[in-house]
Amino acid sequence: MAFTGPVEDRLAIRELLEAYADAVTRCDPEAWGATWAEDSLWSLPDYPEIGTTSGRSAIVAMWVGAMQHYPGIMFQAWPGSIEVDGDRAAMVSYSSEVYDQGGATKRDRGRYDDQCVKIDGRWLFSHRVFTNIHRQG
């Protein structure tokens, strides 16, 4: 089953994903960083120049530098599955990005394989792995 576990946890995880997408679109590092657990890991294997980054502060610092290359970004995300098991959850999510780069409009679509953790009653990303599905432009 693609969506399992308590509905209130699944809703909170959806809202975590929506807060992440909103923070990307607004280019807000504080709000974006607040979606990550302190000891989190972010891996972008399709971008070997970035690779894997560990720890919230390092992840946010890497993201702030990277976002300079994506002016005018519009980022959308939605879950394909959420499986909650106590204070841990696995989620597959998809994203669609539109941004300007070098005078051209670019579009990227991808998949995240996510692990989330509930800390002090709040869901956060603990591990995200991004894979490109389609790039245009």
N, C-alpha and C. Protein backbone atom coordinates (compact mmCIF):
# COMPACT_ATOMS: atom_id res chain seq x y z
N MET A 1 0.84 -1.18 0.00
CA MET A 1 0.00 0.00 0.00
C MET A 1 0.89 1.25 0.00
N ALA A 2 0.56 2.23 -0.78
CA ALA A 2 1.40 3.41 -0.94
C ALA A 2 1.32 4.39 0.22
N PHE A 3 0.20 4.45 0.91
CA PHE A 3 0.03 5.39 2.02
C PHE A 3 -0.42 4.60 3.24
N THR A 4 0.49 4.45 4.21
CA THR A 4 0.18 3.67 5.40
C THR A 4 0.58 4.45 6.65
N GLY A 5 -0.07 4.12 7.74
CA GLY A 5 0.22 4.77 9.01
C GLY A 5 -0.85 5.79 9.35
N PRO A 6 -0.74 6.37 10.54
CA PRO A 6 -1.76 7.32 11.00
C PRO A 6 -1.92 8.50 10.05
N VAL A 7 -3.17 8.84 9.77
CA VAL A 7 -3.47 9.92 8.83
C VAL A 7 -2.88 11.25 9.30
N GLU A 8 -2.87 11.50 10.62
CA GLU A 8 -2.32 12.77 11.10
C GLU A 8 -0.82 12.87 10.84
N ASP A 9 -0.10 11.75 10.90
CA ASP A 9 1.32 11.76 10.57
C ASP A 9 1.53 11.94 9.07
N ARG A 10 0.71 11.26 8.28
CA ARG A 10 0.84 11.42 6.82
C ARG A 10 0.54 12.85 6.40
N LEU A 11 -0.43 13.49 7.03
CA LEU A 11 -0.74 14.88 6.73
C LEU A 11 0.44 15.77 7.13
N ALA A 12 1.01 15.54 8.29
CA ALA A 12 2.15 16.35 8.74
C ALA A 12 3.35 16.18 7.79
N ILE A 13 3.55 14.98 7.26
CA ILE A 13 4.66 14.75 6.32
C ILE A 13 4.38 15.44 4.99
N ARG A 14 3.13 15.42 4.55
CA ARG A 14 2.76 16.18 3.33
C ARG A 14 3.03 17.67 3.55
N GLU A 15 2.69 18.17 4.73
CA GLU A 15 2.92 19.58 5.02
C GLU A 15 4.41 19.90 5.10
N LEU A 16 5.22 18.95 5.58
CA LEU A 16 6.68 19.11 5.55
C LEU A 16 7.16 19.28 4.11
N LEU A 17 6.68 18.43 3.22
CA LEU A 17 7.06 18.51 1.81
C LEU A 17 6.59 19.83 1.19
N GLU A 18 5.40 20.25 1.54
CA GLU A 18 4.88 21.52 1.01
C GLU A 18 5.66 22.72 1.56
N ALA A 19 6.07 22.67 2.83
CA ALA A 19 6.87 23.75 3.41
C ALA A 19 8.24 23.82 2.73
N TYR A 20 8.81 22.66 2.41
CA TYR A 20 10.08 22.57 1.69
C TYR A 20 9.95 23.25 0.33
N ALA A 21 8.90 22.89 -0.42
CA ALA A 21 8.69 23.44 -1.76
C ALA A 21 8.47 24.95 -1.70
N ASP A 22 7.69 25.40 -0.73
CA ASP A 22 7.44 26.83 -0.57
C ASP A 22 8.74 27.58 -0.29
N ALA A 23 9.57 27.03 0.59
CA ALA A 23 10.84 27.68 0.94
C ALA A 23 11.78 27.74 -0.26
N VAL A 24 11.78 26.70 -1.10
CA VAL A 24 12.61 26.74 -2.32
C VAL A 24 12.13 27.87 -3.23
N THR A 25 10.83 27.92 -3.48
CA THR A 25 10.29 28.94 -4.38
C THR A 25 10.56 30.35 -3.85
N ARG A 26 10.50 30.52 -2.54
CA ARG A 26 10.78 31.84 -1.95
C ARG A 26 12.27 32.08 -1.72
N CYS A 27 13.09 31.06 -1.99
CA CYS A 27 14.54 31.13 -1.75
C CYS A 27 14.82 31.56 -0.31
N ASP A 28 14.18 30.90 0.63
CA ASP A 28 14.26 31.23 2.05
C ASP A 28 15.09 30.16 2.78
N PRO A 29 16.38 30.43 3.01
CA PRO A 29 17.23 29.40 3.63
C PRO A 29 16.82 29.03 5.05
N GLU A 30 16.28 29.98 5.81
CA GLU A 30 15.88 29.67 7.19
C GLU A 30 14.70 28.70 7.19
N ALA A 31 13.68 29.01 6.39
CA ALA A 31 12.50 28.12 6.31
C ALA A 31 12.88 26.78 5.70
N TRP A 32 13.73 26.79 4.70
CA TRP A 32 14.15 25.54 4.05
C TRP A 32 14.95 24.69 5.02
N GLY A 33 15.88 25.32 5.73
CA GLY A 33 16.70 24.59 6.70
C GLY A 33 15.87 23.99 7.82
N ALA A 34 14.76 24.64 8.16
CA ALA A 34 13.90 24.15 9.25
C ALA A 34 13.19 22.85 8.89
N THR A 35 13.27 22.39 7.64
CA THR A 35 12.64 21.13 7.25
C THR A 35 13.58 19.93 7.46
N TRP A 36 14.83 20.20 7.83
CA TRP A 36 15.85 19.15 7.96
C TRP A 36 16.16 18.84 9.42
N ALA A 37 16.39 17.57 9.73
CA ALA A 37 16.89 17.16 11.05
C ALA A 37 18.35 17.59 11.16
N GLU A 38 18.80 17.79 12.37
CA GLU A 38 20.18 18.25 12.61
C GLU A 38 21.22 17.32 11.98
N ASP A 39 21.03 16.01 12.10
CA ASP A 39 22.02 15.04 11.59
C ASP A 39 21.60 14.43 10.25
N SER A 40 20.95 15.22 9.42
CA SER A 40 20.41 14.74 8.14
C SER A 40 21.49 14.55 7.08
N LEU A 41 21.06 13.94 5.98
CA LEU A 41 21.94 13.68 4.84
C LEU A 41 21.15 13.96 3.56
N TRP A 42 21.80 14.65 2.61
CA TRP A 42 21.18 14.95 1.32
C TRP A 42 22.13 14.48 0.23
N SER A 43 21.64 13.63 -0.64
CA SER A 43 22.46 13.06 -1.69
C SER A 43 21.87 13.38 -3.06
N LEU A 44 22.74 13.86 -3.96
CA LEU A 44 22.34 14.18 -5.33
C LEU A 44 23.28 13.43 -6.29
N PRO A 45 23.09 12.12 -6.45
CA PRO A 45 24.02 11.33 -7.25
C PRO A 45 24.10 11.74 -8.72
N ASP A 46 23.06 12.39 -9.25
CA ASP A 46 23.10 12.84 -10.64
C ASP A 46 23.90 14.13 -10.79
N TYR A 47 24.34 14.68 -9.67
CA TYR A 47 25.17 15.90 -9.67
C TYR A 47 26.46 15.59 -8.92
N PRO A 48 27.42 14.91 -9.58
CA PRO A 48 28.65 14.51 -8.88
C PRO A 48 29.45 15.68 -8.32
N GLU A 49 29.27 16.86 -8.90
CA GLU A 49 29.96 18.03 -8.37
C GLU A 49 29.42 18.43 -7.00
N ILE A 50 28.22 17.97 -6.66
CA ILE A 50 27.62 18.25 -5.35
C ILE A 50 27.74 17.02 -4.47
N GLY A 51 27.35 15.85 -4.98
CA GLY A 51 27.47 14.61 -4.23
C GLY A 51 26.54 14.53 -3.04
N THR A 52 27.10 14.16 -1.89
CA THR A 52 26.34 13.96 -0.67
C THR A 52 26.83 14.93 0.39
N THR A 53 25.89 15.55 1.09
CA THR A 53 26.21 16.50 2.15
C THR A 53 25.54 16.03 3.43
N SER A 54 26.26 16.11 4.54
CA SER A 54 25.75 15.66 5.83
C SER A 54 25.67 16.81 6.82
N GLY A 55 24.62 16.79 7.63
CA GLY A 55 24.42 17.79 8.67
C GLY A 55 23.66 18.99 8.16
N ARG A 56 22.65 19.41 8.95
CA ARG A 56 21.78 20.50 8.51
C ARG A 56 22.55 21.75 8.12
N SER A 57 23.50 22.22 8.93
CA SER A 57 24.17 23.48 8.58
C SER A 57 24.96 23.36 7.29
N ALA A 58 25.61 22.23 7.05
CA ALA A 58 26.35 22.04 5.80
C ALA A 58 25.39 21.94 4.61
N ILE A 59 24.26 21.28 4.80
CA ILE A 59 23.26 21.15 3.74
C ILE A 59 22.72 22.53 3.37
N VAL A 60 22.38 23.34 4.37
CA VAL A 60 21.85 24.68 4.10
C VAL A 60 22.90 25.54 3.41
N ALA A 61 24.15 25.48 3.85
CA ALA A 61 25.22 26.27 3.23
C ALA A 61 25.40 25.87 1.77
N MET A 62 25.37 24.57 1.48
CA MET A 62 25.50 24.10 0.10
C MET A 62 24.32 24.59 -0.73
N TRP A 63 23.11 24.52 -0.17
CA TRP A 63 21.90 24.94 -0.88
C TRP A 63 21.93 26.44 -1.18
N VAL A 64 22.35 27.25 -0.22
CA VAL A 64 22.41 28.70 -0.43
C VAL A 64 23.33 29.01 -1.61
N GLY A 65 24.49 28.36 -1.68
CA GLY A 65 25.41 28.56 -2.81
C GLY A 65 24.81 28.09 -4.12
N ALA A 66 24.16 26.94 -4.10
CA ALA A 66 23.58 26.38 -5.33
C ALA A 66 22.43 27.22 -5.85
N MET A 67 21.61 27.77 -4.96
CA MET A 67 20.42 28.52 -5.39
C MET A 67 20.76 29.78 -6.18
N GLN A 68 21.98 30.27 -6.08
CA GLN A 68 22.40 31.42 -6.86
C GLN A 68 22.35 31.13 -8.36
N HIS A 69 22.37 29.84 -8.73
CA HIS A 69 22.36 29.43 -10.13
C HIS A 69 20.96 29.15 -10.66
N TYR A 70 19.92 29.37 -9.82
CA TYR A 70 18.55 29.06 -10.21
C TYR A 70 17.62 30.25 -9.97
N PRO A 71 17.89 31.38 -10.61
CA PRO A 71 17.02 32.55 -10.38
C PRO A 71 15.61 32.30 -10.91
N GLY A 72 14.65 32.89 -10.19
CA GLY A 72 13.25 32.79 -10.62
C GLY A 72 12.67 31.41 -10.52
N ILE A 73 13.20 30.58 -9.63
CA ILE A 73 12.74 29.19 -9.55
C ILE A 73 11.31 29.08 -9.03
N MET A 74 10.59 28.17 -9.61
CA MET A 74 9.26 27.76 -9.14
C MET A 74 9.37 26.27 -8.89
N PHE A 75 9.18 25.84 -7.66
CA PHE A 75 9.40 24.45 -7.25
C PHE A 75 8.10 23.88 -6.72
N GLN A 76 7.69 22.75 -7.27
CA GLN A 76 6.50 22.04 -6.81
C GLN A 76 6.90 20.62 -6.43
N ALA A 77 6.23 20.08 -5.42
CA ALA A 77 6.51 18.71 -4.99
C ALA A 77 5.24 18.04 -4.49
N TRP A 78 5.17 16.73 -4.65
CA TRP A 78 4.02 15.97 -4.18
C TRP A 78 4.47 14.55 -3.85
N PRO A 79 3.79 13.92 -2.90
CA PRO A 79 4.17 12.56 -2.52
C PRO A 79 3.59 11.51 -3.45
N GLY A 80 4.37 10.47 -3.70
CA GLY A 80 3.89 9.30 -4.42
C GLY A 80 3.54 8.19 -3.45
N SER A 81 4.21 8.21 -2.29
CA SER A 81 3.90 7.25 -1.22
C SER A 81 4.44 7.80 0.10
N ILE A 82 3.75 7.45 1.18
CA ILE A 82 4.20 7.77 2.54
C ILE A 82 3.88 6.55 3.38
N GLU A 83 4.92 5.98 4.00
CA GLU A 83 4.74 4.81 4.85
C GLU A 83 5.29 5.14 6.24
N VAL A 84 4.40 5.34 7.19
CA VAL A 84 4.77 5.73 8.55
C VAL A 84 4.91 4.49 9.42
N ASP A 85 5.99 4.45 10.18
CA ASP A 85 6.23 3.37 11.14
C ASP A 85 6.74 4.01 12.43
N GLY A 86 5.82 4.33 13.32
CA GLY A 86 6.19 4.99 14.57
C GLY A 86 6.69 6.40 14.32
N ASP A 87 7.92 6.68 14.78
CA ASP A 87 8.52 8.01 14.61
C ASP A 87 9.42 8.09 13.38
N ARG A 88 9.26 7.14 12.48
CA ARG A 88 10.04 7.14 11.23
C ARG A 88 9.07 6.94 10.07
N ALA A 89 9.46 7.47 8.92
CA ALA A 89 8.62 7.30 7.73
C ALA A 89 9.49 7.28 6.49
N ALA A 90 9.04 6.54 5.50
CA ALA A 90 9.65 6.53 4.18
C ALA A 90 8.67 7.20 3.23
N MET A 91 9.20 8.06 2.37
CA MET A 91 8.34 8.74 1.40
C MET A 91 9.06 8.76 0.05
N VAL A 92 8.30 8.52 -0.99
CA VAL A 92 8.75 8.80 -2.36
C VAL A 92 8.01 10.06 -2.76
N SER A 93 8.75 11.05 -3.22
CA SER A 93 8.11 12.28 -3.67
C SER A 93 8.67 12.68 -5.03
N TYR A 94 7.91 13.48 -5.72
CA TYR A 94 8.29 13.94 -7.06
C TYR A 94 8.33 15.45 -7.07
N SER A 95 9.16 15.99 -7.95
CA SER A 95 9.27 17.45 -8.03
C SER A 95 9.30 17.90 -9.47
N SER A 96 8.86 19.13 -9.65
CA SER A 96 8.92 19.80 -10.94
C SER A 96 9.43 21.21 -10.69
N GLU A 97 10.50 21.57 -11.39
CA GLU A 97 11.13 22.88 -11.21
C GLU A 97 11.17 23.62 -12.54
N VAL A 98 10.93 24.91 -12.49
CA VAL A 98 11.11 25.79 -13.64
C VAL A 98 11.96 26.95 -13.16
N TYR A 99 12.99 27.30 -13.92
CA TYR A 99 13.89 28.39 -13.53
C TYR A 99 14.58 28.95 -14.76
N ASP A 100 15.19 30.11 -14.58
CA ASP A 100 15.94 30.76 -15.66
C ASP A 100 17.42 30.46 -15.46
N GLN A 101 18.10 30.20 -16.57
CA GLN A 101 19.53 29.96 -16.50
C GLN A 101 20.15 30.33 -17.83
N GLY A 102 21.07 31.30 -17.79
CA GLY A 102 21.73 31.72 -19.01
C GLY A 102 20.78 32.26 -20.06
N GLY A 103 19.71 32.92 -19.64
CA GLY A 103 18.75 33.48 -20.57
C GLY A 103 17.74 32.49 -21.13
N ALA A 104 17.79 31.24 -20.66
CA ALA A 104 16.86 30.22 -21.14
C ALA A 104 16.03 29.69 -19.98
N THR A 105 14.82 29.26 -20.28
CA THR A 105 13.97 28.64 -19.28
C THR A 105 14.30 27.15 -19.23
N LYS A 106 14.55 26.65 -18.04
CA LYS A 106 14.88 25.23 -17.83
C LYS A 106 13.77 24.58 -17.02
N ARG A 107 13.57 23.31 -17.26
CA ARG A 107 12.58 22.52 -16.52
C ARG A 107 13.22 21.21 -16.11
N ASP A 108 13.13 20.91 -14.83
CA ASP A 108 13.64 19.65 -14.29
C ASP A 108 12.53 18.94 -13.55
N ARG A 109 12.49 17.63 -13.70
CA ARG A 109 11.55 16.80 -12.97
C ARG A 109 12.33 15.66 -12.34
N GLY A 110 12.00 15.34 -11.10
CA GLY A 110 12.78 14.31 -10.44
C GLY A 110 12.02 13.58 -9.36
N ARG A 111 12.73 12.64 -8.75
CA ARG A 111 12.20 11.78 -7.70
C ARG A 111 13.11 11.90 -6.49
N TYR A 112 12.48 12.02 -5.34
CA TYR A 112 13.20 11.97 -4.07
C TYR A 112 12.82 10.68 -3.35
N ASP A 113 13.81 9.98 -2.84
CA ASP A 113 13.59 8.87 -1.92
C ASP A 113 13.94 9.43 -0.54
N ASP A 114 12.94 9.57 0.28
CA ASP A 114 13.07 10.29 1.54
C ASP A 114 12.90 9.38 2.75
N GLN A 115 13.64 9.74 3.79
CA GLN A 115 13.43 9.19 5.12
C GLN A 115 13.11 10.38 6.01
N CYS A 116 12.07 10.24 6.79
CA CYS A 116 11.66 11.32 7.70
C CYS A 116 11.68 10.79 9.12
N VAL A 117 11.87 11.71 10.05
CA VAL A 117 11.90 11.35 11.46
C VAL A 117 11.07 12.36 12.24
N LYS A 118 10.37 11.85 13.25
CA LYS A 118 9.55 12.71 14.10
C LYS A 118 10.35 13.01 15.38
N ILE A 119 10.68 14.28 15.55
CA ILE A 119 11.46 14.73 16.70
C ILE A 119 10.65 15.77 17.45
N ASP A 120 10.44 15.53 18.74
CA ASP A 120 9.65 16.45 19.57
C ASP A 120 8.30 16.78 18.93
N GLY A 121 7.67 15.75 18.33
CA GLY A 121 6.34 15.92 17.75
C GLY A 121 6.32 16.54 16.36
N ARG A 122 7.49 16.78 15.77
CA ARG A 122 7.56 17.44 14.46
C ARG A 122 8.30 16.57 13.46
N TRP A 123 7.73 16.41 12.27
CA TRP A 123 8.36 15.62 11.21
C TRP A 123 9.41 16.46 10.49
N LEU A 124 10.57 15.83 10.22
CA LEU A 124 11.69 16.47 9.52
C LEU A 124 12.29 15.48 8.54
N PHE A 125 12.97 15.99 7.53
CA PHE A 125 13.73 15.12 6.63
C PHE A 125 15.01 14.69 7.34
N SER A 126 15.29 13.39 7.29
CA SER A 126 16.55 12.89 7.83
C SER A 126 17.48 12.42 6.73
N HIS A 127 16.91 12.09 5.59
CA HIS A 127 17.72 11.54 4.48
C HIS A 127 16.93 11.76 3.19
N ARG A 128 17.53 12.48 2.24
CA ARG A 128 16.88 12.69 0.94
C ARG A 128 17.86 12.31 -0.16
N VAL A 129 17.40 11.54 -1.12
CA VAL A 129 18.21 11.19 -2.30
C VAL A 129 17.41 11.62 -3.52
N PHE A 130 18.02 12.49 -4.34
CA PHE A 130 17.34 13.01 -5.53
C PHE A 130 17.88 12.34 -6.79
N THR A 131 16.96 11.95 -7.67
CA THR A 131 17.32 11.38 -8.97
C THR A 131 16.54 12.12 -10.05
N ASN A 132 17.24 12.54 -11.11
CA ASN A 132 16.58 13.21 -12.24
C ASN A 132 15.71 12.20 -12.98
N ILE A 133 14.56 12.66 -13.42
CA ILE A 133 13.69 11.89 -14.30
C ILE A 133 13.72 12.50 -15.71
N HIS A 134 13.67 13.83 -15.76
CA HIS A 134 13.60 14.52 -17.05
C HIS A 134 14.17 15.93 -16.92
N ARG A 135 14.99 16.33 -17.87
CA ARG A 135 15.50 17.72 -17.92
C ARG A 135 15.19 18.30 -19.29
N GLN A 136 14.80 19.56 -19.30
CA GLN A 136 14.48 20.23 -20.56
C GLN A 136 15.06 21.63 -20.55
N GLY A 137 15.61 22.02 -21.67
CA GLY A 137 16.12 23.38 -21.82
C GLY A 137 17.57 23.53 -21.59
